[in-house]
PDB file of N, CA and C in Angstrom:
ATOM      1  N   UNK A   1      20.139 -17.365 -87.142  1.00  0.00           N
ATOM      2  CA  UNK A   1      19.725 -15.978 -87.122  1.00  0.00           C
ATOM      3  C   UNK A   1      19.880 -15.465 -85.697  1.00  0.00           C
ATOM      4  N   UNK A   2      20.638 -14.385 -85.542  1.00  0.00           N
ATOM      5  CA  UNK A   2      20.793 -13.745 -84.241  1.00  0.00           C
ATOM      6  C   UNK A   2      20.006 -12.440 -84.237  1.00  0.00           C
ATOM      7  N   UNK A   3      19.291 -12.199 -83.139  1.00  0.00           N
ATOM      8  CA  UNK A   3      18.473 -11.006 -82.998  1.00  0.00           C
ATOM      9  C   UNK A   3      19.173  -9.991 -82.094  1.00  0.00           C
ATOM     10  N   UNK A   4      18.831  -8.727 -82.231  1.00  0.00           N
ATOM     11  CA  UNK A   4      19.466  -7.655 -81.462  1.00  0.00           C
ATOM     12  C   UNK A   4      19.301  -7.832 -79.953  1.00  0.00           C
ATOM     13  N   UNK A   5      18.190  -8.425 -79.520  1.00  0.00           N
ATOM     14  CA  UNK A   5      17.928  -8.578 -78.086  1.00  0.00           C
ATOM     15  C   UNK A   5      18.660  -9.769 -77.468  1.00  0.00           C
ATOM     16  N   UNK A   6      19.453 -10.490 -78.256  1.00  0.00           N
ATOM     17  CA  UNK A   6      20.217 -11.624 -77.745  1.00  0.00           C
ATOM     18  C   UNK A   6      19.600 -12.970 -78.070  1.00  0.00           C
ATOM     19  N   UNK A   7      18.379 -12.978 -78.567  1.00  0.00           N
ATOM     20  CA  UNK A   7      17.729 -14.234 -78.961  1.00  0.00           C
ATOM     21  C   UNK A   7      18.369 -14.756 -80.248  1.00  0.00           C
ATOM     22  N   UNK A   8      18.215 -16.055 -80.483  1.00  0.00           N
ATOM     23  CA  UNK A   8      18.689 -16.609 -81.757  1.00  0.00           C
ATOM     24  C   UNK A   8      17.891 -17.842 -82.158  1.00  0.00           C
ATOM     25  N   UNK A   9      17.854 -18.084 -83.460  1.00  0.00           N
ATOM     26  CA  UNK A   9      17.163 -19.232 -84.045  1.00  0.00           C
ATOM     27  C   UNK A   9      18.149 -19.997 -84.905  1.00  0.00           C
ATOM     28  N   UNK A  10      18.141 -21.314 -84.747  1.00  0.00           N
ATOM     29  CA  UNK A  10      18.949 -22.183 -85.590  1.00  0.00           C
ATOM     30  C   UNK A  10      18.039 -23.284 -86.109  1.00  0.00           C
ATOM     31  N   UNK A  11      17.883 -23.337 -87.427  1.00  0.00           N
ATOM     32  CA  UNK A  11      17.013 -24.349 -87.990  1.00  0.00           C
ATOM     33  C   UNK A  11      16.681 -24.078 -89.437  1.00  0.00           C
ATOM     34  N   UNK A  12      15.577 -24.672 -89.864  1.00  0.00           N
ATOM     35  CA  UNK A  12      15.168 -24.607 -91.259  1.00  0.00           C
ATOM     36  C   UNK A  12      14.311 -23.370 -91.520  1.00  0.00           C
ATOM     37  N   UNK A  13      14.409 -22.884 -92.776  1.00  0.00           N
ATOM     38  CA  UNK A  13      13.681 -21.700 -93.219  1.00  0.00           C
ATOM     39  C   UNK A  13      12.968 -22.016 -94.532  1.00  0.00           C
ATOM     40  N   UNK A  14      11.902 -21.279 -94.802  1.00  0.00           N
ATOM     41  CA  UNK A  14      11.228 -21.344 -96.096  1.00  0.00           C
ATOM     42  C   UNK A  14      10.639 -19.965 -96.367  1.00  0.00           C
ATOM     43  N   UNK A  15      11.041 -19.359 -97.454  1.00  0.00           N
ATOM     44  CA  UNK A  15      10.559 -18.031 -97.851  1.00  0.00           C
ATOM     45  C   UNK A  15      10.739 -17.007 -96.730  1.00  0.00           C
ATOM     46  N   UNK A  16      11.872 -17.065 -96.034  1.00  0.00           N
ATOM     47  CA  UNK A  16      12.183 -16.094 -94.996  1.00  0.00           C
ATOM     48  C   UNK A  16      11.486 -16.318 -93.664  1.00  0.00           C
ATOM     49  N   UNK A  17      10.793 -17.451 -93.502  1.00  0.00           N
ATOM     50  CA  UNK A  17      10.100 -17.751 -92.252  1.00  0.00           C
ATOM     51  C   UNK A  17      10.599 -19.080 -91.689  1.00  0.00           C
ATOM     52  N   UNK A  18      10.522 -19.197 -90.352  1.00  0.00           N
ATOM     53  CA  UNK A  18      10.884 -20.457 -89.719  1.00  0.00           C
ATOM     54  C   UNK A  18       9.899 -21.522 -90.190  1.00  0.00           C
ATOM     55  N   UNK A  19      10.423 -22.580 -90.799  1.00  0.00           N
ATOM     56  CA  UNK A  19       9.609 -23.701 -91.282  1.00  0.00           C
ATOM     57  C   UNK A  19      10.434 -24.964 -91.187  1.00  0.00           C
ATOM     58  N   UNK A  20       9.841 -26.033 -90.657  1.00  0.00           N
ATOM     59  CA  UNK A  20      10.563 -27.280 -90.470  1.00  0.00           C
ATOM     60  C   UNK A  20      11.065 -27.395 -89.040  1.00  0.00           C
ATOM     61  N   UNK A  21      12.188 -28.039 -88.865  1.00  0.00           N
ATOM     62  CA  UNK A  21      12.747 -28.285 -87.531  1.00  0.00           C
ATOM     63  C   UNK A  21      13.698 -27.149 -87.144  1.00  0.00           C
ATOM     64  N   UNK A  22      13.617 -26.701 -85.872  1.00  0.00           N
ATOM     65  CA  UNK A  22      14.519 -25.653 -85.430  1.00  0.00           C
ATOM     66  C   UNK A  22      14.442 -25.403 -83.939  1.00  0.00           C
ATOM     67  N   UNK A  23      15.416 -24.635 -83.456  1.00  0.00           N
ATOM     68  CA  UNK A  23      15.499 -24.267 -82.047  1.00  0.00           C
ATOM     69  C   UNK A  23      15.557 -22.752 -81.935  1.00  0.00           C
ATOM     70  N   UNK A  24      14.695 -22.211 -81.087  1.00  0.00           N
ATOM     71  CA  UNK A  24      14.670 -20.776 -80.810  1.00  0.00           C
ATOM     72  C   UNK A  24      15.013 -20.574 -79.346  1.00  0.00           C
ATOM     73  N   UNK A  25      16.059 -19.796 -79.093  1.00  0.00           N
ATOM     74  CA  UNK A  25      16.431 -19.432 -77.729  1.00  0.00           C
ATOM     75  C   UNK A  25      16.105 -17.950 -77.579  1.00  0.00           C
ATOM     76  N   UNK A  26      15.208 -17.650 -76.650  1.00  0.00           N
ATOM     77  CA  UNK A  26      14.740 -16.287 -76.443  1.00  0.00           C
ATOM     78  C   UNK A  26      15.696 -15.529 -75.520  1.00  0.00           C
ATOM     79  N   UNK A  27      15.628 -14.218 -75.528  1.00  0.00           N
ATOM     80  CA  UNK A  27      16.510 -13.378 -74.715  1.00  0.00           C
ATOM     81  C   UNK A  27      16.385 -13.704 -73.225  1.00  0.00           C
ATOM     82  N   UNK A  28      15.238 -14.175 -72.793  1.00  0.00           N
ATOM     83  CA  UNK A  28      14.998 -14.523 -71.393  1.00  0.00           C
ATOM     84  C   UNK A  28      15.697 -15.813 -70.978  1.00  0.00           C
ATOM     85  N   UNK A  29      16.166 -16.591 -71.955  1.00  0.00           N
ATOM     86  CA  UNK A  29      16.743 -17.905 -71.672  1.00  0.00           C
ATOM     87  C   UNK A  29      15.754 -19.031 -71.934  1.00  0.00           C
ATOM     88  N   UNK A  30      14.470 -18.687 -72.097  1.00  0.00           N
ATOM     89  CA  UNK A  30      13.474 -19.684 -72.473  1.00  0.00           C
ATOM     90  C   UNK A  30      13.819 -20.212 -73.860  1.00  0.00           C
ATOM     91  N   UNK A  31      13.457 -21.476 -74.151  1.00  0.00           N
ATOM     92  CA  UNK A  31      13.740 -21.979 -75.488  1.00  0.00           C
ATOM     93  C   UNK A  31      12.701 -22.994 -75.949  1.00  0.00           C
ATOM     94  N   UNK A  32      12.583 -23.083 -77.274  1.00  0.00           N
ATOM     95  CA  UNK A  32      11.699 -24.046 -77.932  1.00  0.00           C
ATOM     96  C   UNK A  32      12.526 -24.839 -78.923  1.00  0.00           C
ATOM     97  N   UNK A  33      12.347 -26.156 -78.908  1.00  0.00           N
ATOM     98  CA  UNK A  33      13.004 -27.040 -79.862  1.00  0.00           C
ATOM     99  C   UNK A  33      11.926 -27.919 -80.473  1.00  0.00           C
ATOM    100  N   UNK A  34      11.727 -27.781 -81.783  1.00  0.00           N
ATOM    101  CA  UNK A  34      10.695 -28.584 -82.415  1.00  0.00           C
ATOM    102  C   UNK A  34      10.366 -28.107 -83.812  1.00  0.00           C
ATOM    103  N   UNK A  35       9.135 -28.357 -84.198  1.00  0.00           N
ATOM    104  CA  UNK A  35       8.680 -28.058 -85.549  1.00  0.00           C
ATOM    105  C   UNK A  35       8.061 -26.659 -85.625  1.00  0.00           C
ATOM    106  N   UNK A  36       8.274 -26.017 -86.786  1.00  0.00           N
ATOM    107  CA  UNK A  36       7.774 -24.672 -87.060  1.00  0.00           C
ATOM    108  C   UNK A  36       7.018 -24.668 -88.375  1.00  0.00           C
ATOM    109  N   UNK A  37       6.062 -23.753 -88.473  1.00  0.00           N
ATOM    110  CA  UNK A  37       5.384 -23.486 -89.741  1.00  0.00           C
ATOM    111  C   UNK A  37       5.006 -22.012 -89.754  1.00  0.00           C
ATOM    112  N   UNK A  38       5.456 -21.292 -90.768  1.00  0.00           N
ATOM    113  CA  UNK A  38       5.140 -19.866 -90.935  1.00  0.00           C
ATOM    114  C   UNK A  38       5.465 -19.045 -89.680  1.00  0.00           C
ATOM    115  N   UNK A  39       6.663 -19.261 -89.119  1.00  0.00           N
ATOM    116  CA  UNK A  39       7.172 -18.535 -87.948  1.00  0.00           C
ATOM    117  C   UNK A  39       6.463 -18.863 -86.645  1.00  0.00           C
ATOM    118  N   UNK A  40       5.615 -19.882 -86.609  1.00  0.00           N
ATOM    119  CA  UNK A  40       4.899 -20.261 -85.388  1.00  0.00           C
ATOM    120  C   UNK A  40       5.231 -21.703 -85.024  1.00  0.00           C
ATOM    121  N   UNK A  41       5.191 -21.998 -83.712  1.00  0.00           N
ATOM    122  CA  UNK A  41       5.384 -23.372 -83.264  1.00  0.00           C
ATOM    123  C   UNK A  41       4.206 -24.204 -83.767  1.00  0.00           C
ATOM    124  N   UNK A  42       4.498 -25.218 -84.563  1.00  0.00           N
ATOM    125  CA  UNK A  42       3.471 -26.097 -85.135  1.00  0.00           C
ATOM    126  C   UNK A  42       4.019 -27.503 -85.216  1.00  0.00           C
ATOM    127  N   UNK A  43       3.243 -28.475 -84.756  1.00  0.00           N
ATOM    128  CA  UNK A  43       3.689 -29.865 -84.765  1.00  0.00           C
ATOM    129  C   UNK A  43       4.224 -30.254 -83.397  1.00  0.00           C
ATOM    130  N   UNK A  44       5.152 -31.190 -83.375  1.00  0.00           N
ATOM    131  CA  UNK A  44       5.700 -31.683 -82.116  1.00  0.00           C
ATOM    132  C   UNK A  44       6.888 -30.830 -81.686  1.00  0.00           C
ATOM    133  N   UNK A  45       6.939 -30.547 -80.372  1.00  0.00           N
ATOM    134  CA  UNK A  45       8.056 -29.762 -79.874  1.00  0.00           C
ATOM    135  C   UNK A  45       8.076 -29.666 -78.366  1.00  0.00           C
ATOM    136  N   UNK A  46       9.174 -29.116 -77.850  1.00  0.00           N
ATOM    137  CA  UNK A  46       9.370 -28.962 -76.422  1.00  0.00           C
ATOM    138  C   UNK A  46       9.729 -27.509 -76.130  1.00  0.00           C
ATOM    139  N   UNK A  47       9.000 -26.913 -75.198  1.00  0.00           N
ATOM    140  CA  UNK A  47       9.252 -25.538 -74.751  1.00  0.00           C
ATOM    141  C   UNK A  47       9.669 -25.589 -73.300  1.00  0.00           C
ATOM    142  N   UNK A  48      10.764 -24.910 -72.990  1.00  0.00           N
ATOM    143  CA  UNK A  48      11.253 -24.827 -71.614  1.00  0.00           C
ATOM    144  C   UNK A  48      11.272 -23.370 -71.209  1.00  0.00           C
ATOM    145  N   UNK A  49      10.528 -23.045 -70.144  1.00  0.00           N
ATOM    146  CA  UNK A  49      10.500 -21.697 -69.598  1.00  0.00           C
ATOM    147  C   UNK A  49      11.451 -21.664 -68.408  1.00  0.00           C
ATOM    148  N   UNK A  50      12.622 -21.108 -68.604  1.00  0.00           N
ATOM    149  CA  UNK A  50      13.601 -20.995 -67.515  1.00  0.00           C
ATOM    150  C   UNK A  50      13.101 -20.013 -66.466  1.00  0.00           C
ATOM    151  N   UNK A  51      12.361 -18.991 -66.900  1.00  0.00           N
ATOM    152  CA  UNK A  51      11.900 -17.936 -65.998  1.00  0.00           C
ATOM    153  C   UNK A  51      10.880 -18.445 -64.977  1.00  0.00           C
ATOM    154  N   UNK A  52      10.059 -19.432 -65.352  1.00  0.00           N
ATOM    155  CA  UNK A  52       9.025 -19.948 -64.447  1.00  0.00           C
ATOM    156  C   UNK A  52       9.221 -21.420 -64.112  1.00  0.00           C
ATOM    157  N   UNK A  53      10.303 -22.021 -64.581  1.00  0.00           N
ATOM    158  CA  UNK A  53      10.601 -23.430 -64.327  1.00  0.00           C
ATOM    159  C   UNK A  53       9.467 -24.348 -64.781  1.00  0.00           C
ATOM    160  N   UNK A  54       9.054 -24.167 -66.045  1.00  0.00           N
ATOM    161  CA  UNK A  54       8.025 -25.015 -66.650  1.00  0.00           C
ATOM    162  C   UNK A  54       8.585 -25.681 -67.893  1.00  0.00           C
ATOM    163  N   UNK A  55       7.988 -26.816 -68.237  1.00  0.00           N
ATOM    164  CA  UNK A  55       8.397 -27.529 -69.450  1.00  0.00           C
ATOM    165  C   UNK A  55       7.156 -28.180 -70.060  1.00  0.00           C
ATOM    166  N   UNK A  56       6.965 -27.952 -71.363  1.00  0.00           N
ATOM    167  CA  UNK A  56       5.866 -28.591 -72.092  1.00  0.00           C
ATOM    168  C   UNK A  56       6.460 -29.360 -73.261  1.00  0.00           C
ATOM    169  N   UNK A  57       6.077 -30.623 -73.360  1.00  0.00           N
ATOM    170  CA  UNK A  57       6.462 -31.462 -74.487  1.00  0.00           C
ATOM    171  C   UNK A  57       5.183 -32.008 -75.094  1.00  0.00           C
ATOM    172  N   UNK A  58       4.973 -31.745 -76.373  1.00  0.00           N
ATOM    173  CA  UNK A  58       3.764 -32.224 -77.021  1.00  0.00           C
ATOM    174  C   UNK A  58       3.479 -31.490 -78.307  1.00  0.00           C
ATOM    175  N   UNK A  59       2.208 -31.402 -78.634  1.00  0.00           N
ATOM    176  CA  UNK A  59       1.769 -30.843 -79.903  1.00  0.00           C
ATOM    177  C   UNK A  59       1.462 -29.350 -79.780  1.00  0.00           C
ATOM    178  N   UNK A  60       1.733 -28.627 -80.874  1.00  0.00           N
ATOM    179  CA  UNK A  60       1.486 -27.189 -80.968  1.00  0.00           C
ATOM    180  C   UNK A  60       0.697 -26.895 -82.242  1.00  0.00           C
ATOM    181  N   UNK A  61      -0.217 -25.937 -82.164  1.00  0.00           N
ATOM    182  CA  UNK A  61      -0.947 -25.426 -83.329  1.00  0.00           C
ATOM    183  C   UNK A  61      -0.893 -23.911 -83.300  1.00  0.00           C
ATOM    184  N   UNK A  62      -0.328 -23.306 -84.337  1.00  0.00           N
ATOM    185  CA  UNK A  62      -0.243 -21.849 -84.471  1.00  0.00           C
ATOM    186  C   UNK A  62       0.323 -21.163 -83.231  1.00  0.00           C
ATOM    187  N   UNK A  63       1.336 -21.774 -82.613  1.00  0.00           N
ATOM    188  CA  UNK A  63       2.018 -21.164 -81.480  1.00  0.00           C
ATOM    189  C   UNK A  63       1.437 -21.490 -80.118  1.00  0.00           C
ATOM    190  N   UNK A  64       0.355 -22.295 -80.076  1.00  0.00           N
ATOM    191  CA  UNK A  64      -0.296 -22.631 -78.812  1.00  0.00           C
ATOM    192  C   UNK A  64      -0.254 -24.129 -78.554  1.00  0.00           C
ATOM    193  N   UNK A  65      -0.151 -24.511 -77.272  1.00  0.00           N
ATOM    194  CA  UNK A  65      -0.228 -25.916 -76.899  1.00  0.00           C
ATOM    195  C   UNK A  65      -1.579 -26.451 -77.329  1.00  0.00           C
ATOM    196  N   UNK A  66      -1.572 -27.634 -77.957  1.00  0.00           N
ATOM    197  CA  UNK A  66      -2.815 -28.165 -78.496  1.00  0.00           C
ATOM    198  C   UNK A  66      -2.725 -29.683 -78.566  1.00  0.00           C
ATOM    199  N   UNK A  67      -3.830 -30.348 -78.263  1.00  0.00           N
ATOM    200  CA  UNK A  67      -3.834 -31.806 -78.361  1.00  0.00           C
ATOM    201  C   UNK A  67      -3.114 -32.446 -77.197  1.00  0.00           C
ATOM    202  N   UNK A  68      -2.418 -33.541 -77.456  1.00  0.00           N
ATOM    203  CA  UNK A  68      -1.766 -34.307 -76.412  1.00  0.00           C
ATOM    204  C   UNK A  68      -0.398 -33.732 -76.074  1.00  0.00           C
ATOM    205  N   UNK A  69      -0.103 -33.649 -74.781  1.00  0.00           N
ATOM    206  CA  UNK A  69       1.201 -33.183 -74.345  1.00  0.00           C
ATOM    207  C   UNK A  69       1.339 -33.293 -72.844  1.00  0.00           C
ATOM    208  N   UNK A  70       2.533 -33.026 -72.349  1.00  0.00           N
ATOM    209  CA  UNK A  70       2.826 -33.071 -70.922  1.00  0.00           C
ATOM    210  C   UNK A  70       3.391 -31.726 -70.505  1.00  0.00           C
ATOM    211  N   UNK A  71       2.765 -31.107 -69.508  1.00  0.00           N
ATOM    212  CA  UNK A  71       3.233 -29.823 -68.984  1.00  0.00           C
ATOM    213  C   UNK A  71       3.682 -30.062 -67.545  1.00  0.00           C
ATOM    214  N   UNK A  72       4.931 -29.719 -67.244  1.00  0.00           N
ATOM    215  CA  UNK A  72       5.496 -29.942 -65.917  1.00  0.00           C
ATOM    216  C   UNK A  72       5.875 -28.594 -65.314  1.00  0.00           C
ATOM    217  N   UNK A  73       5.485 -28.403 -64.049  1.00  0.00           N
ATOM    218  CA  UNK A  73       5.897 -27.239 -63.277  1.00  0.00           C
ATOM    219  C   UNK A  73       6.872 -27.723 -62.224  1.00  0.00           C
ATOM    220  N   UNK A  74       8.035 -27.105 -62.140  1.00  0.00           N
ATOM    221  CA  UNK A  74       9.033 -27.493 -61.148  1.00  0.00           C
ATOM    222  C   UNK A  74       8.948 -26.548 -59.962  1.00  0.00           C
ATOM    223  N   UNK A  75       8.671 -27.094 -58.786  1.00  0.00           N
ATOM    224  CA  UNK A  75       8.622 -26.285 -57.583  1.00  0.00           C
ATOM    225  C   UNK A  75      10.044 -25.979 -57.129  1.00  0.00           C
ATOM    226  N   UNK A  76      10.190 -24.975 -56.283  1.00  0.00           N
ATOM    227  CA  UNK A  76      11.524 -24.617 -55.801  1.00  0.00           C
ATOM    228  C   UNK A  76      12.156 -25.750 -55.007  1.00  0.00           C
ATOM    229  N   UNK A  77      11.334 -26.641 -54.437  1.00  0.00           N
ATOM    230  CA  UNK A  77      11.869 -27.770 -53.669  1.00  0.00           C
ATOM    231  C   UNK A  77      12.376 -28.870 -54.600  1.00  0.00           C
ATOM    232  N   UNK A  78      12.081 -28.751 -55.905  1.00  0.00           N
ATOM    233  CA  UNK A  78      12.545 -29.745 -56.859  1.00  0.00           C
ATOM    234  C   UNK A  78      11.526 -30.820 -57.171  1.00  0.00           C
ATOM    235  N   UNK A  79      10.369 -30.803 -56.506  1.00  0.00           N
ATOM    236  CA  UNK A  79       9.328 -31.780 -56.801  1.00  0.00           C
ATOM    237  C   UNK A  79       8.568 -31.349 -58.035  1.00  0.00           C
ATOM    238  N   UNK A  80       8.025 -32.325 -58.768  1.00  0.00           N
ATOM    239  CA  UNK A  80       7.303 -32.014 -60.008  1.00  0.00           C
ATOM    240  C   UNK A  80       5.804 -32.068 -59.802  1.00  0.00           C
ATOM    241  N   UNK A  81       5.113 -31.191 -60.512  1.00  0.00           N
ATOM    242  CA  UNK A  81       3.673 -31.256 -60.637  1.00  0.00           C
ATOM    243  C   UNK A  81       3.394 -31.652 -62.062  1.00  0.00           C
ATOM    244  N   UNK A  82       2.614 -32.672 -62.285  1.00  0.00           N
ATOM    245  CA  UNK A  82       2.365 -33.166 -63.623  1.00  0.00           C
ATOM    246  C   UNK A  82       0.884 -33.000 -63.944  1.00  0.00           C
ATOM    247  N   UNK A  83       0.575 -32.402 -65.082  1.00  0.00           N
ATOM    248  CA  UNK A  83      -0.808 -32.224 -65.507  1.00  0.00           C
ATOM    249  C   UNK A  83      -1.034 -33.084 -66.723  1.00  0.00           C
TER     250      UNK A  83
END
């Protein structure tokens, strides 16, 4: 599915909503690769924010980081901050 703003989704659908495994690339260049349920990030997945140089790999519930995961912030010097 390609959106007018340049974003696109490639993955599984159910009843017209993102469900199952898929990748969403947003117009900003940020992207999510992982599990979806009812158009929201749910289950295991990885989100990369190109705009802020962040990466989260772990569990999602209703579109929010939840449970166990790793969030990394990349400084301009290239060093990582790990939470």
